[in-house]
Amino acid sequence: GAQIIDLMMLVIDVTKGMQTQSAECLVIGQIACQKMVVVLNKIDLLPEGKRQSAIEKMTKKMQKTLENTKFCGCPIVAVAAKPGGPEAPESENPLGVSELIEVLKSQAYLPSRDPSGHFLMAVDHCFSIKGQGTVMTGTILSGSVSLGDSVEIPALKVTKKVKSMQMFHTPVTYAMQGDRVGICVTQFDPKLLERGLICTPESLHTIHAAIISLKKIQYFRGALQTKAKFHITVGHETVMGRVMFFSPAPADFNEEIQENVFDFGKDYLYQEQYLSKDSKSSEENKENDQSGEVQLPRQQWALLEFEKPVTCPKLCLVIGSKLDTDIHTNTCRLAFHGVLLQGMEDKNYIETFLPKLKVYKLKHKEGQVERVMDDYSVIGRSLFKKETNIQIFVGLKVKLSTGEDGVIDGGFGQSGKFKIRIPDGLKPETKMLLTVASKKKSKAGKGDANKEDESSKNDSAQPVTITLLFKRYVFDAQKKMIQS
């Protein structure tokens, strides 16, 4: 419902100030609305002598609250809509309402409207009128509609002809974006649709998953974790959905991102959680950033997987919330908001669509050099488990902690050891280091227990480590390992 508002009135109880719900309304306003007026209500509850100073105090407090929002400096009006409360006699006159009306008039504006494009309307009531048919009332979000047009109710897969229309009890033959209208159709049971979208036939798609660009809502406490479930408000419904966050590859963190399009040609980095100032960044980000400052990308995305399919237009607003949070805990339930860039209509999108999405994880394995074979090869251990099929790693590049580059050549024996080829040869000092270590070992092996203790001390002080780094795409069925 927030998407159909052009001017918002935020009503605050002057005796209580901002409550959790008022704060949530403010957050939704920031996402979906451009202009706001704040109304301080129930001023009749303030003792008359202190009323003015209490109103001034609350006005200052509200101005401070709005300072860092898009509504900074908006009008604040004090009223008592019904002095004495619901039980008061009707003769009680409201206080300040005529001033409020003047402020609303001064703030009202005519938004630019466009009748072109597909017809799309958000229906919020549906009821039958005897002898007429079923009326769907709502707000036209885009396009226009005329008498006799066919409109589709996509959630039910039915198409109906527009028999008559009314705007504010006046019959009309045409309505367009921004209009509030009642559309009458025949032979349709109103119980089937309480609220939802209606549109030009075939213009809306039902999707099972989507890619969205998103921003975290700063007041949401805690991290946004990949695999977590959120209530996803999209189109005109709220459904449960699971998220997976990803960001540009770190080399592209500062690149300008085109708005409202998603580039399937690029590589993206999988994130365990949405990256924000307080989040732990992934391995690859750490490597690119030694300063300790968390570098944040200009844009982040999420793959949303819905528990049941949703019908919605392209580029529509998406809001993710944790609506099961106890409303009495003073915390914001709205977690993130974004734009739907790409919907997936195929039920089998995991096989048909997701392989196009190049999100990768960076894998990092470490082992140690066991011993030297000759100037151009060493034996390594502890990189693989005994049962690993080393064949699939053959040909991958590794790096020794002493600086040499190597290539995995194959397995060695049965215990998960492996052979590494060093194309440029071992440095003499590396060879010495490894020869000394293995000599100590073999000496120690001759039965002198004290020597063994000593040698293992020296040995553990400086083993030569082997690092294997590769990328693996999350949606690659073959699980290929890729090195740049």
Protein backbone atom coordinates (compact mmCIF):
# COMPACT_ATOMS: atom_id res chain seq x y z
CA GLY A 1 0.00 0.00 0.00
CA ALA A 2 2.91 2.37 0.62
CA GLN A 3 3.70 2.46 -3.09
CA ILE A 4 0.55 4.44 -3.96
CA ILE A 5 1.26 7.40 -1.65
CA ASP A 6 2.33 10.81 -3.04
CA LEU A 7 2.22 12.72 0.24
CA MET A 8 2.51 11.12 3.64
CA MET A 9 1.13 12.30 6.96
CA LEU A 10 2.97 10.82 9.95
CA VAL A 11 0.78 11.05 13.06
CA ILE A 12 2.60 11.08 16.41
CA ASP A 13 1.03 10.95 19.88
CA VAL A 14 2.45 14.17 21.41
CA THR A 15 2.51 12.58 24.87
CA LYS A 16 4.58 9.57 23.74
CA GLY A 17 6.70 10.73 20.80
CA MET A 18 8.14 8.31 18.23
CA GLN A 19 7.00 4.72 18.83
CA THR A 20 8.36 1.61 17.10
CA GLN A 21 5.54 1.67 14.54
CA SER A 22 6.04 5.39 13.82
CA ALA A 23 9.72 4.70 13.15
CA GLU A 24 8.79 1.85 10.77
CA CYS A 25 6.34 4.16 8.95
CA LEU A 26 9.15 6.68 8.60
CA VAL A 27 11.45 4.00 7.14
CA ILE A 28 8.77 2.94 4.63
CA GLY A 29 8.17 6.62 3.80
CA GLN A 30 11.87 7.09 3.06
CA ILE A 31 11.74 4.14 0.65
CA ALA A 32 8.43 4.77 -1.10
CA CYS A 33 7.43 8.42 -0.72
CA GLN A 34 8.82 11.87 -1.55
CA LYS A 35 6.98 14.30 0.76
CA MET A 36 5.76 14.24 4.35
CA VAL A 37 3.91 16.30 6.95
CA VAL A 38 4.25 15.40 10.66
CA VAL A 39 1.13 15.74 12.81
CA LEU A 40 1.48 15.88 16.60
CA ASN A 41 -1.91 14.65 17.84
CA LYS A 42 -3.70 14.59 21.25
CA ILE A 43 -2.49 18.03 22.38
CA ASP A 44 -5.68 18.23 24.51
CA LEU A 45 -3.99 15.75 26.90
CA LEU A 46 -1.29 18.31 27.74
CA PRO A 47 -2.13 20.63 30.69
CA GLU A 48 -3.01 24.04 29.25
CA GLY A 49 -0.33 25.98 31.13
CA LYS A 50 2.47 23.71 29.83
CA ARG A 51 0.91 22.88 26.46
CA GLN A 52 2.88 25.33 24.29
CA SER A 53 6.29 24.44 25.72
CA ALA A 54 5.54 20.69 25.49
CA ILE A 55 4.56 21.09 21.81
CA GLU A 56 7.75 23.07 21.14
CA LYS A 57 9.85 20.46 22.88
CA MET A 58 8.32 17.60 20.84
CA THR A 59 8.63 19.64 17.61
CA LYS A 60 12.37 20.12 18.28
CA LYS A 61 12.73 16.41 19.04
CA MET A 62 11.00 15.48 15.75
CA GLN A 63 13.16 17.93 13.78
CA LYS A 64 16.26 16.25 15.25
CA THR A 65 14.90 12.80 14.32
CA LEU A 66 14.26 13.87 10.73
CA GLU A 67 17.60 15.66 10.35
CA ASN A 68 19.33 12.82 8.48
CA THR A 69 16.32 11.73 6.41
CA LYS A 70 14.93 12.98 3.10
CA PHE A 71 12.14 14.65 5.12
CA CYS A 72 14.52 17.03 6.89
CA GLY A 73 12.75 20.37 7.47
CA CYS A 74 9.24 19.09 6.69
CA PRO A 75 6.22 20.90 8.28
CA ILE A 76 5.17 19.82 11.81
CA VAL A 77 1.60 20.66 12.90
CA ALA A 78 0.02 20.20 16.36
CA VAL A 79 -3.64 19.12 16.59
CA ALA A 80 -6.23 17.43 18.76
CA ALA A 81 -8.36 15.50 16.26
CA LYS A 82 -10.97 14.59 18.88
CA PRO A 83 -10.50 16.47 22.17
CA GLY A 84 -11.61 14.35 25.10
CA GLY A 85 -11.14 11.10 23.18
CA PRO A 86 -13.67 8.75 21.54
CA GLU A 87 -16.22 9.19 24.37
CA ALA A 88 -16.36 13.00 24.12
CA PRO A 89 -19.60 14.57 22.81
CA GLU A 90 -19.75 15.47 19.11
CA SER A 91 -20.01 19.16 20.00
CA GLU A 92 -16.29 19.17 20.95
CA ASN A 93 -14.44 21.00 18.17
CA PRO A 94 -11.11 19.63 16.93
CA LEU A 95 -8.06 21.82 17.61
CA GLY A 96 -5.61 22.81 14.88
CA VAL A 97 -7.28 20.83 12.07
CA SER A 98 -8.01 23.88 9.92
CA GLU A 99 -4.29 24.81 10.16
CA LEU A 100 -3.42 21.25 9.16
CA ILE A 101 -5.70 21.51 6.11
CA GLU A 102 -3.90 24.71 5.05
CA VAL A 103 -0.50 22.98 5.42
CA LEU A 104 -1.70 19.99 3.38
CA LYS A 105 -2.96 22.35 0.67
CA SER A 106 0.40 24.12 0.56
CA GLN A 107 2.26 20.77 0.37
CA ALA A 108 -0.01 19.15 -2.22
CA TYR A 109 1.41 18.89 -5.73
CA LEU A 110 0.48 17.29 -9.02
CA PRO A 111 2.90 14.42 -9.69
CA SER A 112 3.76 13.84 -13.34
CA ARG A 113 1.53 11.07 -14.72
CA ASP A 114 1.94 8.99 -17.85
CA PRO A 115 -0.90 7.09 -19.55
CA SER A 116 1.44 5.09 -21.84
CA GLY A 117 2.61 1.52 -21.28
CA HIS A 118 0.75 -1.49 -19.93
CA PHE A 119 -2.22 -0.98 -17.61
CA LEU A 120 -1.43 -2.01 -14.03
CA MET A 121 -3.65 -1.42 -11.01
CA ALA A 122 -3.30 -2.28 -7.33
CA VAL A 123 -6.71 -3.49 -6.10
CA ASP A 124 -7.41 -3.06 -2.39
CA HIS A 125 -11.16 -3.89 -2.21
CA CYS A 126 -13.39 -6.27 -4.10
CA PHE A 127 -17.17 -6.52 -3.56
CA SER A 128 -20.32 -7.31 -5.52
CA ILE A 129 -23.22 -4.96 -6.30
CA LYS A 130 -26.54 -6.69 -6.91
CA GLY A 131 -27.62 -6.50 -10.52
CA GLN A 132 -24.34 -4.83 -11.58
CA GLY A 133 -21.49 -7.30 -11.09
CA THR A 134 -18.24 -7.30 -9.09
CA VAL A 135 -16.38 -4.07 -8.39
CA MET A 136 -12.60 -3.92 -7.90
CA THR A 137 -11.39 -0.61 -6.44
CA GLY A 138 -7.81 0.56 -6.32
CA THR A 139 -5.11 2.84 -7.68
CA ILE A 140 -3.76 2.73 -11.22
CA LEU A 141 0.02 2.33 -11.00
CA SER A 142 0.75 2.59 -14.73
CA GLY A 143 -0.92 2.92 -18.12
CA SER A 144 -4.63 3.58 -18.64
CA VAL A 145 -7.96 1.74 -18.99
CA SER A 146 -11.15 2.40 -20.97
CA LEU A 147 -14.68 0.92 -21.02
CA GLY A 148 -14.77 -2.38 -22.88
CA ASP A 149 -11.04 -3.14 -22.32
CA SER A 150 -10.03 -6.62 -21.22
CA VAL A 151 -8.14 -6.82 -17.93
CA GLU A 152 -6.37 -9.85 -16.48
CA ILE A 153 -6.32 -10.98 -12.86
CA PRO A 154 -2.95 -12.76 -13.21
CA ALA A 155 -2.98 -14.49 -9.82
CA LEU A 156 -6.14 -16.36 -10.90
CA LYS A 157 -5.28 -16.54 -14.62
CA VAL A 158 -8.67 -15.04 -15.61
CA THR A 159 -9.46 -12.21 -18.05
CA LYS A 160 -12.59 -10.01 -17.77
CA LYS A 161 -14.12 -7.13 -19.77
CA VAL A 162 -14.57 -3.71 -18.12
CA LYS A 163 -18.35 -3.19 -17.98
CA SER A 164 -18.42 0.18 -16.16
CA MET A 165 -16.12 2.45 -14.12
CA GLN A 166 -16.53 5.09 -11.41
CA MET A 167 -14.24 7.66 -9.84
CA PHE A 168 -15.54 9.09 -6.56
CA HIS A 169 -19.13 8.00 -7.35
CA THR A 170 -18.98 9.55 -10.84
CA PRO A 171 -19.22 7.26 -13.89
CA VAL A 172 -16.20 7.60 -16.23
CA THR A 173 -15.16 5.97 -19.52
CA TYR A 174 -11.37 6.36 -19.05
CA ALA A 175 -8.84 6.39 -16.18
CA MET A 176 -5.00 6.60 -16.08
CA GLN A 177 -1.93 6.36 -13.86
CA GLY A 178 -2.53 7.92 -10.44
CA ASP A 179 -6.35 7.69 -10.56
CA ARG A 180 -8.43 5.99 -7.86
CA VAL A 181 -11.06 3.99 -9.69
CA GLY A 182 -13.71 1.30 -9.26
CA ILE A 183 -13.87 -1.16 -12.17
CA CYS A 184 -16.99 -3.30 -12.58
CA VAL A 185 -16.81 -6.75 -14.27
CA THR A 186 -19.37 -9.55 -14.48
CA GLN A 187 -19.38 -13.20 -13.47
CA PHE A 188 -16.53 -12.94 -11.04
CA ASP A 189 -16.75 -14.06 -7.40
CA PRO A 190 -15.38 -11.22 -5.18
CA LYS A 191 -14.34 -13.79 -2.55
CA LEU A 192 -11.54 -14.86 -4.92
CA LEU A 193 -9.73 -11.53 -4.73
CA GLU A 194 -9.35 -9.43 -1.62
CA ARG A 195 -6.37 -7.47 -2.91
CA GLY A 196 -3.87 -7.91 -5.71
CA LEU A 197 -2.80 -6.68 -9.11
CA ILE A 198 -4.84 -6.51 -12.32
CA CYS A 199 -3.28 -5.64 -15.66
CA THR A 200 -3.25 -5.66 -19.46
CA PRO A 201 -3.58 -9.38 -20.37
CA GLU A 202 -0.21 -11.22 -20.50
CA SER A 203 1.77 -8.19 -19.27
CA LEU A 204 2.71 -9.47 -15.80
CA HIS A 205 4.84 -12.48 -15.03
CA THR A 206 4.65 -15.01 -12.23
CA ILE A 207 8.11 -15.73 -10.88
CA HIS A 208 9.69 -18.31 -8.56
CA ALA A 209 12.92 -16.42 -7.87
CA ALA A 210 14.50 -13.06 -8.64
CA ILE A 211 17.72 -11.08 -8.68
CA ILE A 212 17.42 -7.77 -6.85
CA SER A 213 19.75 -4.85 -6.17
CA LEU A 214 19.41 -3.85 -2.54
CA LYS A 215 20.41 -1.65 0.38
CA LYS A 216 20.29 -2.55 4.06
CA ILE A 217 18.03 -0.40 6.23
CA GLN A 218 20.38 1.25 8.71
CA TYR A 219 18.04 0.84 11.70
CA PHE A 220 17.84 -2.95 11.31
CA ARG A 221 19.89 -4.56 14.06
CA GLY A 222 22.09 -7.50 13.25
CA ALA A 223 23.59 -8.84 10.06
CA LEU A 224 21.73 -9.86 6.91
CA GLN A 225 22.86 -13.46 6.50
CA THR A 226 22.89 -15.51 3.30
CA LYS A 227 20.39 -18.42 3.52
CA ALA A 228 18.23 -16.46 6.02
CA LYS A 229 14.48 -16.21 5.45
CA PHE A 230 12.68 -12.87 5.26
CA HIS A 231 9.14 -11.69 4.62
CA ILE A 232 9.41 -10.30 1.10
CA THR A 233 6.91 -7.62 0.10
CA VAL A 234 6.76 -7.41 -3.67
CA GLY A 235 4.03 -6.37 -6.13
CA HIS A 236 0.96 -6.41 -3.90
CA GLU A 237 1.76 -9.33 -1.61
CA THR A 238 4.11 -10.52 1.10
CA VAL A 239 5.65 -14.00 0.89
CA MET A 240 8.49 -15.81 2.62
CA GLY A 241 11.75 -15.87 0.69
CA ARG A 242 15.33 -17.04 1.18
CA VAL A 243 18.25 -14.77 0.24
CA MET A 244 21.80 -15.20 -1.04
CA PHE A 245 23.93 -12.05 -1.10
CA PHE A 246 26.65 -11.25 -3.59
CA SER A 247 28.76 -8.26 -4.59
CA PRO A 248 30.96 -7.25 -7.52
CA ALA A 249 34.35 -8.96 -7.74
CA PRO A 250 36.59 -6.75 -5.50
CA ALA A 251 38.48 -5.33 -8.50
CA ASP A 252 35.13 -3.78 -9.56
CA PHE A 253 34.07 -2.50 -6.12
CA ASN A 254 34.32 1.15 -7.15
CA GLU A 255 33.04 0.78 -10.68
CA GLU A 256 29.95 2.79 -11.61
CA ILE A 257 26.99 0.40 -11.65
CA GLN A 258 24.26 0.96 -14.21
CA GLU A 259 20.93 1.44 -12.47
CA ASN A 260 18.05 -0.99 -12.98
CA VAL A 261 19.95 -3.51 -15.11
CA PHE A 262 21.85 -6.64 -14.17
CA ASP A 263 24.89 -7.75 -16.16
CA PHE A 264 25.08 -11.55 -16.52
CA GLY A 265 28.44 -11.21 -18.31
CA LYS A 266 30.29 -10.26 -15.11
CA ASP A 267 31.73 -12.33 -12.26
CA TYR A 268 30.29 -11.74 -8.80
CA LEU A 269 31.64 -12.62 -5.36
CA TYR A 270 29.50 -14.74 -3.03
CA GLN A 271 28.98 -13.19 0.42
CA GLU A 272 28.04 -15.01 3.63
CA GLN A 273 26.22 -11.79 4.54
CA TYR A 274 25.42 -8.35 3.18
CA LEU A 275 28.55 -6.20 3.47
CA SER A 276 28.13 -3.20 5.73
CA LYS A 277 30.52 -1.20 7.92
CA ASP A 278 30.25 -3.69 10.77
CA SER A 279 30.33 -6.90 8.72
CA LYS A 280 33.20 -9.32 8.33
CA SER A 281 34.28 -9.18 4.72
CA SER A 282 35.05 -12.28 2.69
CA GLU A 283 38.50 -13.80 2.09
CA GLU A 284 39.02 -12.08 -1.24
CA ASN A 285 38.12 -8.65 0.14
CA LYS A 286 40.61 -9.15 2.98
CA GLU A 287 43.37 -9.95 0.52
CA ASN A 288 42.63 -6.84 -1.50
CA ASP A 289 42.51 -4.64 1.52
CA GLN A 290 45.31 -4.73 4.07
CA SER A 291 44.45 -1.41 5.72
CA GLY A 292 41.87 -2.96 8.05
CA GLU A 293 39.18 -0.62 6.67
CA VAL A 294 36.24 -2.62 5.33
CA GLN A 295 35.90 -1.62 1.70
CA LEU A 296 32.29 -1.54 0.63
CA PRO A 297 31.08 -2.02 -2.95
CA ARG A 298 28.84 0.65 -4.47
CA GLN A 299 26.13 -1.91 -5.09
CA GLN A 300 25.18 -5.35 -3.78
CA TRP A 301 22.66 -7.87 -4.99
CA ALA A 302 20.69 -10.83 -3.70
CA LEU A 303 19.16 -13.91 -5.22
CA LEU A 304 15.65 -14.23 -3.75
CA GLU A 305 13.94 -17.61 -3.80
CA PHE A 306 10.23 -17.42 -2.99
CA GLU A 307 8.35 -20.09 -1.04
CA LYS A 308 5.41 -19.61 -3.38
CA PRO A 309 5.39 -17.91 -6.79
CA VAL A 310 4.59 -14.17 -6.92
CA THR A 311 3.12 -12.00 -9.67
CA CYS A 312 4.75 -8.61 -10.08
CA PRO A 313 5.95 -6.06 -12.64
CA LYS A 314 9.60 -5.59 -13.62
CA LEU A 315 11.70 -3.13 -11.61
CA CYS A 316 9.18 -3.12 -8.77
CA LEU A 317 10.03 -2.19 -5.21
CA VAL A 318 11.04 -5.05 -2.90
CA ILE A 319 11.08 -4.78 0.90
CA GLY A 320 12.51 -7.51 3.14
CA SER A 321 11.37 -7.67 6.77
CA LYS A 322 11.39 -9.86 9.83
CA LEU A 323 7.68 -9.51 10.64
CA ASP A 324 7.78 -12.31 13.21
CA THR A 325 9.82 -10.09 15.55
CA ASP A 326 7.85 -9.22 18.68
CA ILE A 327 6.29 -5.80 18.03
CA HIS A 328 6.87 -4.78 21.67
CA THR A 329 10.63 -5.06 21.42
CA ASN A 330 11.83 -1.64 20.40
CA THR A 331 13.44 -2.72 17.14
CA CYS A 332 13.02 -2.10 13.42
CA ARG A 333 11.57 -5.13 11.62
CA LEU A 334 12.35 -3.81 8.13
CA ALA A 335 15.71 -5.19 7.00
CA PHE A 336 16.37 -4.14 3.41
CA HIS A 337 14.79 -2.60 0.31
CA GLY A 338 15.63 -2.96 -3.33
CA VAL A 339 14.57 -3.17 -6.95
CA LEU A 340 13.59 -6.35 -8.76
CA LEU A 341 15.94 -6.54 -11.77
CA GLN A 342 15.28 -10.00 -13.14
CA GLY A 343 12.51 -12.51 -12.42
CA MET A 344 12.75 -16.25 -13.05
CA GLU A 345 9.52 -17.65 -14.46
CA ASP A 346 10.69 -21.22 -15.01
CA LYS A 347 9.82 -23.54 -12.14
CA ASN A 348 13.11 -25.37 -12.82
CA TYR A 349 15.14 -22.15 -12.68
CA ILE A 350 17.87 -23.90 -10.66
CA GLU A 351 18.81 -25.98 -13.72
CA THR A 352 17.75 -23.60 -16.51
CA PHE A 353 18.53 -20.12 -15.24
CA LEU A 354 20.96 -20.07 -12.31
CA PRO A 355 23.98 -21.46 -14.21
CA LYS A 356 24.01 -18.11 -16.10
CA LEU A 357 24.58 -16.33 -12.78
CA LYS A 358 28.36 -16.24 -12.30
CA VAL A 359 28.67 -15.96 -8.53
CA TYR A 360 31.87 -17.54 -7.23
CA LYS A 361 33.38 -18.52 -3.90
CA LEU A 362 37.09 -18.19 -3.32
CA LYS A 363 38.58 -21.45 -1.99
CA HIS A 364 41.81 -21.41 -0.01
CA LYS A 365 43.67 -24.61 0.94
CA GLU A 366 47.00 -24.97 2.77
CA GLY A 367 49.46 -27.83 3.09
CA GLN A 368 53.16 -28.34 3.79
CA VAL A 369 56.22 -29.54 1.89
CA GLU A 370 57.13 -33.01 3.14
CA ARG A 371 60.52 -33.30 1.36
CA VAL A 372 62.53 -32.49 -1.77
CA MET A 373 62.65 -35.01 -4.61
CA ASP A 374 65.03 -33.12 -6.91
CA ASP A 375 65.73 -29.54 -8.04
CA TYR A 376 62.39 -29.34 -9.86
CA SER A 377 60.00 -31.28 -7.63
CA VAL A 378 58.85 -31.70 -4.02
CA ILE A 379 56.38 -33.92 -2.19
CA GLY A 380 53.55 -32.18 -0.30
CA ARG A 381 51.16 -33.28 2.45
CA SER A 382 48.12 -32.07 4.48
CA LEU A 383 46.48 -30.32 1.50
CA PHE A 384 44.07 -33.16 0.74
CA LYS A 385 42.27 -35.82 2.74
CA LYS A 386 43.32 -39.43 2.24
CA GLU A 387 40.11 -40.16 0.27
CA THR A 388 40.32 -37.08 -2.05
CA ASN A 389 40.60 -37.82 -5.76
CA ILE A 390 43.81 -35.88 -6.42
CA GLN A 391 43.38 -36.35 -10.20
CA ILE A 392 40.84 -33.51 -10.35
CA PHE A 393 43.47 -31.12 -8.89
CA VAL A 394 46.23 -32.06 -11.34
CA GLY A 395 47.47 -29.04 -13.30
CA LEU A 396 46.35 -26.46 -10.69
CA LYS A 397 48.92 -23.86 -9.65
CA VAL A 398 50.21 -23.59 -6.08
CA LYS A 399 52.62 -21.25 -4.31
CA LEU A 400 55.28 -22.14 -1.74
CA SER A 401 55.79 -19.84 1.25
CA THR A 402 59.40 -19.44 0.08
CA GLY A 403 58.10 -17.81 -3.12
CA GLU A 404 58.30 -20.54 -5.77
CA ASP A 405 55.39 -21.27 -8.10
CA GLY A 406 54.45 -24.89 -8.56
CA VAL A 407 51.97 -27.13 -10.37
CA ILE A 408 50.25 -30.18 -8.88
CA ASP A 409 51.59 -33.16 -10.82
CA GLY A 410 49.68 -36.07 -9.29
CA GLY A 411 49.23 -38.19 -6.19
CA PHE A 412 52.11 -39.84 -4.31
CA GLY A 413 51.40 -43.01 -2.37
CA GLN A 414 48.09 -43.77 -0.68
CA SER A 415 47.90 -41.27 2.18
CA GLY A 416 46.85 -38.11 0.32
CA LYS A 417 50.43 -36.93 -0.37
CA PHE A 418 51.12 -35.41 -3.79
CA LYS A 419 53.91 -34.37 -6.12
CA ILE A 420 54.51 -30.74 -7.09
CA ARG A 421 56.52 -29.73 -10.15
CA ILE A 422 58.50 -26.45 -9.77
CA PRO A 423 58.97 -25.26 -13.40
CA ASP A 424 61.60 -22.61 -12.52
CA GLY A 425 63.38 -24.88 -10.04
CA LEU A 426 63.83 -24.57 -6.26
CA LYS A 427 65.89 -21.70 -4.88
CA PRO A 428 69.13 -22.98 -3.28
CA GLU A 429 68.09 -21.58 0.14
CA THR A 430 64.71 -23.38 -0.05
CA LYS A 431 66.51 -26.61 -0.89
CA MET A 432 68.84 -26.12 2.07
CA LEU A 433 65.98 -25.35 4.44
CA LEU A 434 64.13 -28.50 3.38
CA THR A 435 67.25 -30.71 3.37
CA VAL A 436 68.23 -29.56 6.88
CA ALA A 437 64.69 -30.24 8.12
CA SER A 438 64.58 -33.75 6.65
CA LYS A 439 68.11 -34.56 7.90
CA LYS A 440 67.08 -33.59 11.42
CA LYS A 441 64.07 -35.82 11.07
CA SER A 442 66.08 -38.81 9.91
CA LYS A 443 68.73 -38.25 12.59
CA ALA A 444 66.02 -38.05 15.22
CA GLY A 445 64.61 -41.26 13.85
CA LYS A 446 67.81 -43.09 14.98
CA GLY A 447 66.48 -43.49 18.50
CA ASP A 448 67.73 -40.38 20.32
CA ALA A 449 64.59 -39.10 22.00
CA ASN A 450 66.00 -35.70 23.04
CA LYS A 451 67.15 -34.95 19.53
CA GLU A 452 63.67 -35.73 18.24
CA ASP A 453 62.14 -33.15 20.57
CA GLU A 454 64.61 -30.55 19.45
CA SER A 455 64.25 -31.30 15.76
CA SER A 456 60.45 -31.11 15.87
CA LYS A 457 60.77 -27.74 17.60
CA ASN A 458 63.00 -26.37 14.85
CA ASP A 459 60.94 -28.08 12.20
CA SER A 460 57.64 -26.58 13.33
CA ALA A 461 59.26 -23.17 13.61
CA GLN A 462 59.60 -22.93 9.86
CA PRO A 463 57.80 -25.45 7.69
CA VAL A 464 57.48 -24.51 4.03
CA THR A 465 53.75 -24.12 3.35
CA ILE A 466 51.88 -24.73 0.10
CA THR A 467 48.92 -22.51 -0.79
CA LEU A 468 46.27 -23.48 -3.32
CA LEU A 469 43.79 -20.77 -4.38
CA PHE A 470 40.94 -21.27 -6.83
CA LYS A 471 37.46 -20.02 -7.67
CA ARG A 472 34.39 -22.18 -7.83
CA TYR A 473 31.09 -20.95 -9.28
CA VAL A 474 28.20 -21.55 -6.89
CA PHE A 475 25.76 -22.65 -9.63
CA ASP A 476 28.18 -24.71 -11.73
CA ALA A 477 26.90 -28.29 -11.79
CA GLN A 478 30.38 -29.60 -12.71
CA LYS A 479 31.96 -27.81 -9.72
CA LYS A 480 34.93 -26.81 -11.89
CA MET A 481 37.94 -25.21 -10.18
CA ILE A 482 39.12 -22.05 -11.90
CA GLN A 483 42.38 -20.14 -11.44
CA SER A 484 43.00 -16.75 -12.98
